[in-house]
Amino acid sequence: MARVELTRHLHTFFPQLEGMDLELDAATVADVVKALEERAPGIAFYLCDERGRLRRHVNVFVDEEMIADRTRLKDRVGPSSRVLIVQALSGG
């Protein structure tokens, strides 16, 4: 199962995921988002727009490589992959 890690900021909006061991059965990044949505309703729309595309302020890395398909999220996730979801923060 793929191990999914979220930045601490995402736990602010989805506290039910904090401290949870996020090992998910997923073959693609889209599967990861779907599985997260089952555990924390609303997170899929926070990460993706109404068309299912990854939002500009969100980056996803699979095994330390940034995903290439931000539109359909079809990048492969292996059974022992590490998936890191990062939300860019800005402001001043």
PDB file of N, CA and C in Angstrom:
ATOM      1  N   MET A   1       0.836  -1.178   0.000  1.00  0.00           N
ATOM      2  CA  MET A   1       0.000   0.000   0.000  1.00  0.00           C
ATOM      3  C   MET A   1       0.884   1.246   0.000  1.00  0.00           C
ATOM      4  N   ALA A   2       0.454   2.240  -0.728  1.00  0.00           N
ATOM      5  CA  ALA A   2       1.198   3.492  -0.806  1.00  0.00           C
ATOM      6  C   ALA A   2       1.060   4.266   0.505  1.00  0.00           C
ATOM      7  N   ARG A   3       2.142   4.881   0.921  1.00  0.00           N
ATOM      8  CA  ARG A   3       2.128   5.706   2.136  1.00  0.00           C
ATOM      9  C   ARG A   3       1.954   7.162   1.722  1.00  0.00           C
ATOM     10  N   VAL A   4       0.910   7.799   2.241  1.00  0.00           N
ATOM     11  CA  VAL A   4       0.590   9.178   1.880  1.00  0.00           C
ATOM     12  C   VAL A   4       0.917  10.086   3.058  1.00  0.00           C
ATOM     13  N   GLU A   5       1.612  11.179   2.746  1.00  0.00           N
ATOM     14  CA  GLU A   5       1.963  12.169   3.759  1.00  0.00           C
ATOM     15  C   GLU A   5       1.417  13.524   3.313  1.00  0.00           C
ATOM     16  N   LEU A   6       0.912  14.274   4.274  1.00  0.00           N
ATOM     17  CA  LEU A   6       0.355  15.603   4.019  1.00  0.00           C
ATOM     18  C   LEU A   6       1.155  16.638   4.798  1.00  0.00           C
ATOM     19  N   THR A   7       1.229  17.856   4.274  1.00  0.00           N
ATOM     20  CA  THR A   7       1.849  18.920   5.044  1.00  0.00           C
ATOM     21  C   THR A   7       0.958  19.264   6.231  1.00  0.00           C
ATOM     22  N   ARG A   8       1.551  19.802   7.269  1.00  0.00           N
ATOM     23  CA  ARG A   8       0.806  20.125   8.492  1.00  0.00           C
ATOM     24  C   ARG A   8      -0.354  21.079   8.228  1.00  0.00           C
ATOM     25  N   HIS A   9      -0.173  21.978   7.276  1.00  0.00           N
ATOM     26  CA  HIS A   9      -1.238  22.945   6.986  1.00  0.00           C
ATOM     27  C   HIS A   9      -2.533  22.241   6.566  1.00  0.00           C
ATOM     28  N   LEU A  10      -2.430  21.158   5.845  1.00  0.00           N
ATOM     29  CA  LEU A  10      -3.636  20.433   5.427  1.00  0.00           C
ATOM     30  C   LEU A  10      -4.360  19.830   6.629  1.00  0.00           C
ATOM     31  N   HIS A  11      -3.620  19.507   7.681  1.00  0.00           N
ATOM     32  CA  HIS A  11      -4.263  18.979   8.890  1.00  0.00           C
ATOM     33  C   HIS A  11      -5.118  20.040   9.575  1.00  0.00           C
ATOM     34  N   THR A  12      -4.797  21.310   9.348  1.00  0.00           N
ATOM     35  CA  THR A  12      -5.604  22.394   9.912  1.00  0.00           C
ATOM     36  C   THR A  12      -7.026  22.330   9.372  1.00  0.00           C
ATOM     37  N   PHE A  13      -7.148  22.056   8.083  1.00  0.00           N
ATOM     38  CA  PHE A  13      -8.460  21.994   7.435  1.00  0.00           C
ATOM     39  C   PHE A  13      -9.113  20.615   7.535  1.00  0.00           C
ATOM     40  N   PHE A  14      -8.295  19.584   7.704  1.00  0.00           N
ATOM     41  CA  PHE A  14      -8.806  18.210   7.767  1.00  0.00           C
ATOM     42  C   PHE A  14      -8.194  17.509   8.981  1.00  0.00           C
ATOM     43  N   PRO A  15      -8.591  17.945  10.188  1.00  0.00           N
ATOM     44  CA  PRO A  15      -7.976  17.414  11.410  1.00  0.00           C
ATOM     45  C   PRO A  15      -8.191  15.916  11.610  1.00  0.00           C
ATOM     46  N   GLN A  16      -9.202  15.360  10.975  1.00  0.00           N
ATOM     47  CA  GLN A  16      -9.450  13.930  11.122  1.00  0.00           C
ATOM     48  C   GLN A  16      -8.318  13.093  10.520  1.00  0.00           C
ATOM     49  N   LEU A  17      -7.493  13.695   9.681  1.00  0.00           N
ATOM     50  CA  LEU A  17      -6.371  12.976   9.066  1.00  0.00           C
ATOM     51  C   LEU A  17      -5.100  13.056   9.904  1.00  0.00           C
ATOM     52  N   GLU A  18      -5.055  13.979  10.845  1.00  0.00           N
ATOM     53  CA  GLU A  18      -3.856  14.157  11.660  1.00  0.00           C
ATOM     54  C   GLU A  18      -3.617  12.924  12.523  1.00  0.00           C
ATOM     55  N   GLY A  19      -2.397  12.451  12.486  1.00  0.00           N
ATOM     56  CA  GLY A  19      -2.026  11.275  13.263  1.00  0.00           C
ATOM     57  C   GLY A  19      -2.492   9.965  12.663  1.00  0.00           C
ATOM     58  N   MET A  20      -3.236  10.029  11.580  1.00  0.00           N
ATOM     59  CA  MET A  20      -3.734   8.824  10.927  1.00  0.00           C
ATOM     60  C   MET A  20      -2.637   8.216  10.054  1.00  0.00           C
ATOM     61  N   ASP A  21      -2.504   6.916  10.125  1.00  0.00           N
ATOM     62  CA  ASP A  21      -1.566   6.204   9.265  1.00  0.00           C
ATOM     63  C   ASP A  21      -2.211   6.076   7.890  1.00  0.00           C
ATOM     64  N   LEU A  22      -1.753   6.884   6.943  1.00  0.00           N
ATOM     65  CA  LEU A  22      -2.395   6.931   5.631  1.00  0.00           C
ATOM     66  C   LEU A  22      -1.689   5.985   4.658  1.00  0.00           C
ATOM     67  N   GLU A  23      -1.970   4.719   4.793  1.00  0.00           N
ATOM     68  CA  GLU A  23      -1.508   3.729   3.837  1.00  0.00           C
ATOM     69  C   GLU A  23      -2.711   3.345   2.998  1.00  0.00           C
ATOM     70  N   LEU A  24      -2.641   3.707   1.716  1.00  0.00           N
ATOM     71  CA  LEU A  24      -3.800   3.579   0.847  1.00  0.00           C
ATOM     72  C   LEU A  24      -3.523   2.635  -0.303  1.00  0.00           C
ATOM     73  N   ASP A  25      -4.530   1.889  -0.678  1.00  0.00           N
ATOM     74  CA  ASP A  25      -4.466   1.028  -1.853  1.00  0.00           C
ATOM     75  C   ASP A  25      -4.814   1.892  -3.054  1.00  0.00           C
ATOM     76  N   ALA A  26      -3.789   2.242  -3.849  1.00  0.00           N
ATOM     77  CA  ALA A  26      -3.999   3.153  -4.972  1.00  0.00           C
ATOM     78  C   ALA A  26      -3.041   2.807  -6.100  1.00  0.00           C
ATOM     79  N   ALA A  27      -3.541   2.901  -7.331  1.00  0.00           N
ATOM     80  CA  ALA A  27      -2.703   2.652  -8.505  1.00  0.00           C
ATOM     81  C   ALA A  27      -2.293   3.949  -9.192  1.00  0.00           C
ATOM     82  N   THR A  28      -3.054   5.032  -8.936  1.00  0.00           N
ATOM     83  CA  THR A  28      -2.765   6.336  -9.541  1.00  0.00           C
ATOM     84  C   THR A  28      -2.950   7.426  -8.490  1.00  0.00           C
ATOM     85  N   VAL A  29      -2.492   8.618  -8.818  1.00  0.00           N
ATOM     86  CA  VAL A  29      -2.702   9.760  -7.931  1.00  0.00           C
ATOM     87  C   VAL A  29      -4.199  10.035  -7.788  1.00  0.00           C
ATOM     88  N   ALA A  30      -4.964   9.853  -8.850  1.00  0.00           N
ATOM     89  CA  ALA A  30      -6.422  10.029  -8.768  1.00  0.00           C
ATOM     90  C   ALA A  30      -7.018   9.081  -7.722  1.00  0.00           C
ATOM     91  N   ASP A  31      -6.510   7.865  -7.648  1.00  0.00           N
ATOM     92  CA  ASP A  31      -6.975   6.914  -6.638  1.00  0.00           C
ATOM     93  C   ASP A  31      -6.638   7.392  -5.230  1.00  0.00           C
ATOM     94  N   VAL A  32      -5.474   8.007  -5.072  1.00  0.00           N
ATOM     95  CA  VAL A  32      -5.068   8.545  -3.772  1.00  0.00           C
ATOM     96  C   VAL A  32      -6.056   9.625  -3.343  1.00  0.00           C
ATOM     97  N   VAL A  33      -6.371  10.552  -4.247  1.00  0.00           N
ATOM     98  CA  VAL A  33      -7.305  11.639  -3.926  1.00  0.00           C
ATOM     99  C   VAL A  33      -8.676  11.065  -3.565  1.00  0.00           C
ATOM    100  N   LYS A  34      -9.119  10.079  -4.309  1.00  0.00           N
ATOM    101  CA  LYS A  34     -10.427   9.453  -4.030  1.00  0.00           C
ATOM    102  C   LYS A  34     -10.436   8.793  -2.649  1.00  0.00           C
ATOM    103  N   ALA A  35      -9.365   8.087  -2.317  1.00  0.00           N
ATOM    104  CA  ALA A  35      -9.287   7.417  -1.016  1.00  0.00           C
ATOM    105  C   ALA A  35      -9.213   8.434   0.128  1.00  0.00           C
ATOM    106  N   LEU A  36      -8.513   9.535  -0.091  1.00  0.00           N
ATOM    107  CA  LEU A  36      -8.473  10.586   0.926  1.00  0.00           C
ATOM    108  C   LEU A  36      -9.853  11.196   1.126  1.00  0.00           C
ATOM    109  N   GLU A  37     -10.585  11.388   0.035  1.00  0.00           N
ATOM    110  CA  GLU A  37     -11.937  11.953   0.112  1.00  0.00           C
ATOM    111  C   GLU A  37     -12.862  11.071   0.948  1.00  0.00           C
ATOM    112  N   GLU A  38     -12.671   9.770   0.884  1.00  0.00           N
ATOM    113  CA  GLU A  38     -13.487   8.857   1.686  1.00  0.00           C
ATOM    114  C   GLU A  38     -13.217   9.038   3.174  1.00  0.00           C
ATOM    115  N   ARG A  39     -11.981   9.392   3.518  1.00  0.00           N
ATOM    116  CA  ARG A  39     -11.607   9.574   4.921  1.00  0.00           C
ATOM    117  C   ARG A  39     -11.876  10.988   5.421  1.00  0.00           C
ATOM    118  N   ALA A  40     -11.784  11.962   4.498  1.00  0.00           N
ATOM    119  CA  ALA A  40     -11.957  13.365   4.885  1.00  0.00           C
ATOM    120  C   ALA A  40     -12.747  14.082   3.797  1.00  0.00           C
ATOM    121  N   PRO A  41     -14.071  13.998   3.861  1.00  0.00           N
ATOM    122  CA  PRO A  41     -14.897  14.641   2.837  1.00  0.00           C
ATOM    123  C   PRO A  41     -14.546  16.120   2.660  1.00  0.00           C
ATOM    124  N   GLY A  42     -14.386  16.510   1.401  1.00  0.00           N
ATOM    125  CA  GLY A  42     -14.044  17.877   1.070  1.00  0.00           C
ATOM    126  C   GLY A  42     -12.599  18.062   0.652  1.00  0.00           C
ATOM    127  N   ILE A  43     -11.747  17.108   0.988  1.00  0.00           N
ATOM    128  CA  ILE A  43     -10.332  17.273   0.654  1.00  0.00           C
ATOM    129  C   ILE A  43     -10.088  17.204  -0.851  1.00  0.00           C
ATOM    130  N   ALA A  44     -10.873  16.406  -1.562  1.00  0.00           N
ATOM    131  CA  ALA A  44     -10.687  16.307  -3.020  1.00  0.00           C
ATOM    132  C   ALA A  44     -10.923  17.662  -3.675  1.00  0.00           C
ATOM    133  N   PHE A  45     -11.957  18.383  -3.247  1.00  0.00           N
ATOM    134  CA  PHE A  45     -12.223  19.702  -3.829  1.00  0.00           C
ATOM    135  C   PHE A  45     -11.200  20.729  -3.363  1.00  0.00           C
ATOM    136  N   TYR A  46     -10.620  20.525  -2.203  1.00  0.00           N
ATOM    137  CA  TYR A  46      -9.569  21.414  -1.736  1.00  0.00           C
ATOM    138  C   TYR A  46      -8.304  21.236  -2.587  1.00  0.00           C
ATOM    139  N   LEU A  47      -8.024  19.994  -2.986  1.00  0.00           N
ATOM    140  CA  LEU A  47      -6.833  19.701  -3.784  1.00  0.00           C
ATOM    141  C   LEU A  47      -7.053  19.912  -5.276  1.00  0.00           C
ATOM    142  N   CYS A  48      -8.272  19.659  -5.735  1.00  0.00           N
ATOM    143  CA  CYS A  48      -8.577  19.700  -7.173  1.00  0.00           C
ATOM    144  C   CYS A  48      -9.731  20.655  -7.448  1.00  0.00           C
ATOM    145  N   ASP A  49      -9.767  21.175  -8.675  1.00  0.00           N
ATOM    146  CA  ASP A  49     -10.855  22.071  -9.052  1.00  0.00           C
ATOM    147  C   ASP A  49     -12.092  21.268  -9.467  1.00  0.00           C
ATOM    148  N   GLU A  50     -13.109  21.971  -9.939  1.00  0.00           N
ATOM    149  CA  GLU A  50     -14.374  21.309 -10.291  1.00  0.00           C
ATOM    150  C   GLU A  50     -14.245  20.341 -11.467  1.00  0.00           C
ATOM    151  N   ARG A  51     -13.156  20.418 -12.210  1.00  0.00           N
ATOM    152  CA  ARG A  51     -12.925  19.488 -13.317  1.00  0.00           C
ATOM    153  C   ARG A  51     -12.000  18.337 -12.933  1.00  0.00           C
ATOM    154  N   GLY A  52     -11.578  18.312 -11.687  1.00  0.00           N
ATOM    155  CA  GLY A  52     -10.708  17.250 -11.215  1.00  0.00           C
ATOM    156  C   GLY A  52      -9.229  17.506 -11.439  1.00  0.00           C
ATOM    157  N   ARG A  53      -8.877  18.711 -11.888  1.00  0.00           N
ATOM    158  CA  ARG A  53      -7.468  19.062 -12.114  1.00  0.00           C
ATOM    159  C   ARG A  53      -6.851  19.550 -10.818  1.00  0.00           C
ATOM    160  N   LEU A  54      -5.602  19.209 -10.615  1.00  0.00           N
ATOM    161  CA  LEU A  54      -4.898  19.652  -9.432  1.00  0.00           C
ATOM    162  C   LEU A  54      -4.820  21.177  -9.405  1.00  0.00           C
ATOM    163  N   ARG A  55      -5.147  21.763  -8.277  1.00  0.00           N
ATOM    164  CA  ARG A  55      -5.105  23.215  -8.154  1.00  0.00           C
ATOM    165  C   ARG A  55      -3.657  23.714  -8.221  1.00  0.00           C
ATOM    166  N   ARG A  56      -3.497  24.966  -8.644  1.00  0.00           N
ATOM    167  CA  ARG A  56      -2.149  25.537  -8.828  1.00  0.00           C
ATOM    168  C   ARG A  56      -1.330  25.554  -7.551  1.00  0.00           C
ATOM    169  N   HIS A  57      -1.969  25.738  -6.417  1.00  0.00           N
ATOM    170  CA  HIS A  57      -1.235  25.849  -5.158  1.00  0.00           C
ATOM    171  C   HIS A  57      -0.929  24.493  -4.518  1.00  0.00           C
ATOM    172  N   VAL A  58      -1.225  23.413  -5.210  1.00  0.00           N
ATOM    173  CA  VAL A  58      -0.997  22.074  -4.677  1.00  0.00           C
ATOM    174  C   VAL A  58       0.014  21.342  -5.553  1.00  0.00           C
ATOM    175  N   ASN A  59       0.970  20.690  -4.910  1.00  0.00           N
ATOM    176  CA  ASN A  59       1.919  19.836  -5.620  1.00  0.00           C
ATOM    177  C   ASN A  59       1.870  18.448  -5.023  1.00  0.00           C
ATOM    178  N   VAL A  60       2.036  17.455  -5.879  1.00  0.00           N
ATOM    179  CA  VAL A  60       2.051  16.067  -5.437  1.00  0.00           C
ATOM    180  C   VAL A  60       3.335  15.427  -5.941  1.00  0.00           C
ATOM    181  N   PHE A  61       4.000  14.733  -5.040  1.00  0.00           N
ATOM    182  CA  PHE A  61       5.230  14.021  -5.374  1.00  0.00           C
ATOM    183  C   PHE A  61       5.012  12.535  -5.124  1.00  0.00           C
ATOM    184  N   VAL A  62       5.444  11.726  -6.059  1.00  0.00           N
ATOM    185  CA  VAL A  62       5.417  10.273  -5.896  1.00  0.00           C
ATOM    186  C   VAL A  62       6.863   9.818  -5.935  1.00  0.00           C
ATOM    187  N   ASP A  63       7.306   9.240  -4.835  1.00  0.00           N
ATOM    188  CA  ASP A  63       8.698   8.798  -4.712  1.00  0.00           C
ATOM    189  C   ASP A  63       9.669   9.923  -5.070  1.00  0.00           C
ATOM    190  N   GLU A  64       9.409  11.099  -4.514  1.00  0.00           N
ATOM    191  CA  GLU A  64      10.240  12.297  -4.626  1.00  0.00           C
ATOM    192  C   GLU A  64      10.260  12.942  -6.012  1.00  0.00           C
ATOM    193  N   GLU A  65       9.396  12.496  -6.912  1.00  0.00           N
ATOM    194  CA  GLU A  65       9.279  13.097  -8.241  1.00  0.00           C
ATOM    195  C   GLU A  65       7.920  13.790  -8.351  1.00  0.00           C
ATOM    196  N   MET A  66       7.945  15.070  -8.795  1.00  0.00           N
ATOM    197  CA  MET A  66       6.681  15.777  -8.972  1.00  0.00           C
ATOM    198  C   MET A  66       5.884  15.112 -10.091  1.00  0.00           C
ATOM    199  N   ILE A  67       4.583  14.971  -9.874  1.00  0.00           N
ATOM    200  CA  ILE A  67       3.767  14.322 -10.894  1.00  0.00           C
ATOM    201  C   ILE A  67       3.732  15.164 -12.169  1.00  0.00           C
ATOM    202  N   ALA A  68       3.536  14.496 -13.289  1.00  0.00           N
ATOM    203  CA  ALA A  68       3.500  15.166 -14.588  1.00  0.00           C
ATOM    204  C   ALA A  68       2.073  15.489 -15.025  1.00  0.00           C
ATOM    205  N   ASP A  69       1.118  14.632 -14.674  1.00  0.00           N
ATOM    206  CA  ASP A  69      -0.266  14.782 -15.135  1.00  0.00           C
ATOM    207  C   ASP A  69      -1.111  15.494 -14.076  1.00  0.00           C
ATOM    208  N   ARG A  70      -1.155  16.808 -14.146  1.00  0.00           N
ATOM    209  CA  ARG A  70      -1.935  17.601 -13.201  1.00  0.00           C
ATOM    210  C   ARG A  70      -3.398  17.704 -13.624  1.00  0.00           C
ATOM    211  N   THR A  71      -3.723  17.195 -14.808  1.00  0.00           N
ATOM    212  CA  THR A  71      -5.084  17.294 -15.332  1.00  0.00           C
ATOM    213  C   THR A  71      -5.924  16.069 -14.980  1.00  0.00           C
ATOM    214  N   ARG A  72      -5.412  14.880 -15.260  1.00  0.00           N
ATOM    215  CA  ARG A  72      -6.177  13.650 -15.002  1.00  0.00           C
ATOM    216  C   ARG A  72      -5.659  12.855 -13.815  1.00  0.00           C
ATOM    217  N   LEU A  73      -4.481  13.242 -13.301  1.00  0.00           N
ATOM    218  CA  LEU A  73      -3.866  12.601 -12.140  1.00  0.00           C
ATOM    219  C   LEU A  73      -3.618  11.110 -12.373  1.00  0.00           C
ATOM    220  N   LYS A  74      -3.168  10.774 -13.565  1.00  0.00           N
ATOM    221  CA  LYS A  74      -2.963   9.367 -13.926  1.00  0.00           C
ATOM    222  C   LYS A  74      -1.538   8.867 -13.665  1.00  0.00           C
ATOM    223  N   ASP A  75      -0.700   9.678 -12.999  1.00  0.00           N
ATOM    224  CA  ASP A  75       0.639   9.200 -12.644  1.00  0.00           C
ATOM    225  C   ASP A  75       0.504   7.951 -11.785  1.00  0.00           C
ATOM    226  N   ARG A  76       1.370   6.981 -12.044  1.00  0.00           N
ATOM    227  CA  ARG A  76       1.301   5.694 -11.354  1.00  0.00           C
ATOM    228  C   ARG A  76       1.789   5.800  -9.916  1.00  0.00           C
ATOM    229  N   VAL A  77       1.158   5.047  -9.063  1.00  0.00           N
ATOM    230  CA  VAL A  77       1.547   4.917  -7.664  1.00  0.00           C
ATOM    231  C   VAL A  77       1.770   3.435  -7.410  1.00  0.00           C
ATOM    232  N   GLY A  78       2.973   3.092  -6.982  1.00  0.00           N
ATOM    233  CA  GLY A  78       3.289   1.695  -6.713  1.00  0.00           C
ATOM    234  C   GLY A  78       2.857   1.280  -5.319  1.00  0.00           C
ATOM    235  N   PRO A  79       2.849  -0.024  -5.060  1.00  0.00           N
ATOM    236  CA  PRO A  79       2.399  -0.514  -3.753  1.00  0.00           C
ATOM    237  C   PRO A  79       3.285  -0.061  -2.596  1.00  0.00           C
ATOM    238  N   SER A  80       4.531   0.316  -2.873  1.00  0.00           N
ATOM    239  CA  SER A  80       5.410   0.784  -1.802  1.00  0.00           C
ATOM    240  C   SER A  80       5.816   2.245  -2.005  1.00  0.00           C
ATOM    241  N   SER A  81       5.039   2.979  -2.804  1.00  0.00           N
ATOM    242  CA  SER A  81       5.357   4.381  -3.082  1.00  0.00           C
ATOM    243  C   SER A  81       5.101   5.265  -1.872  1.00  0.00           C
ATOM    244  N   ARG A  82       5.848   6.364  -1.836  1.00  0.00           N
ATOM    245  CA  ARG A  82       5.614   7.436  -0.867  1.00  0.00           C
ATOM    246  C   ARG A  82       5.022   8.593  -1.651  1.00  0.00           C
ATOM    247  N   VAL A  83       3.813   9.012  -1.260  1.00  0.00           N
ATOM    248  CA  VAL A  83       3.121  10.112  -1.924  1.00  0.00           C
ATOM    249  C   VAL A  83       3.075  11.279  -0.949  1.00  0.00           C
ATOM    250  N   LEU A  84       3.635  12.401  -1.374  1.00  0.00           N
ATOM    251  CA  LEU A  84       3.649  13.602  -0.538  1.00  0.00           C
ATOM    252  C   LEU A  84       2.779  14.657  -1.200  1.00  0.00           C
ATOM    253  N   ILE A  85       1.808  15.178  -0.446  1.00  0.00           N
ATOM    254  CA  ILE A  85       0.921  16.226  -0.943  1.00  0.00           C
ATOM    255  C   ILE A  85       1.263  17.508  -0.215  1.00  0.00           C
ATOM    256  N   VAL A  86       1.626  18.520  -0.995  1.00  0.00           N
ATOM    257  CA  VAL A  86       2.119  19.781  -0.446  1.00  0.00           C
ATOM    258  C   VAL A  86       1.247  20.926  -0.937  1.00  0.00           C
ATOM    259  N   GLN A  87       0.819  21.754  -0.022  1.00  0.00           N
ATOM    260  CA  GLN A  87       0.096  22.961  -0.391  1.00  0.00           C
ATOM    261  C   GLN A  87       1.051  24.127  -0.258  1.00  0.00           C
ATOM    262  N   ALA A  88       1.209  24.881  -1.333  1.00  0.00           N
ATOM    263  CA  ALA A  88       2.066  26.070  -1.294  1.00  0.00           C
ATOM    264  C   ALA A  88       1.366  27.151  -0.483  1.00  0.00           C
ATOM    265  N   LEU A  89       2.104  27.811   0.347  1.00  0.00           N
ATOM    266  CA  LEU A  89       1.562  28.905   1.153  1.00  0.00           C
ATOM    267  C   LEU A  89       2.171  30.210   0.660  1.00  0.00           C
ATOM    268  N   SER A  90       1.367  31.240   0.617  1.00  0.00           N
ATOM    269  CA  SER A  90       1.884  32.543   0.218  1.00  0.00           C
ATOM    270  C   SER A  90       1.253  33.607   1.093  1.00  0.00           C
ATOM    271  N   GLY A  91       1.749  34.754   0.972  1.00  0.00           N
ATOM    272  CA  GLY A  91       1.215  35.846   1.768  1.00  0.00           C
ATOM    273  C   GLY A  91       2.348  36.762   2.202  1.00  0.00           C
ATOM    274  N   GLY A  92       2.005  37.755   2.924  1.00  0.00           N
ATOM    275  CA  GLY A  92       3.097  38.644   3.331  1.00  0.00           C
ATOM    276  C   GLY A  92       2.720  39.578   4.399  1.00  0.00           C
TER     277      GLY A  92
END
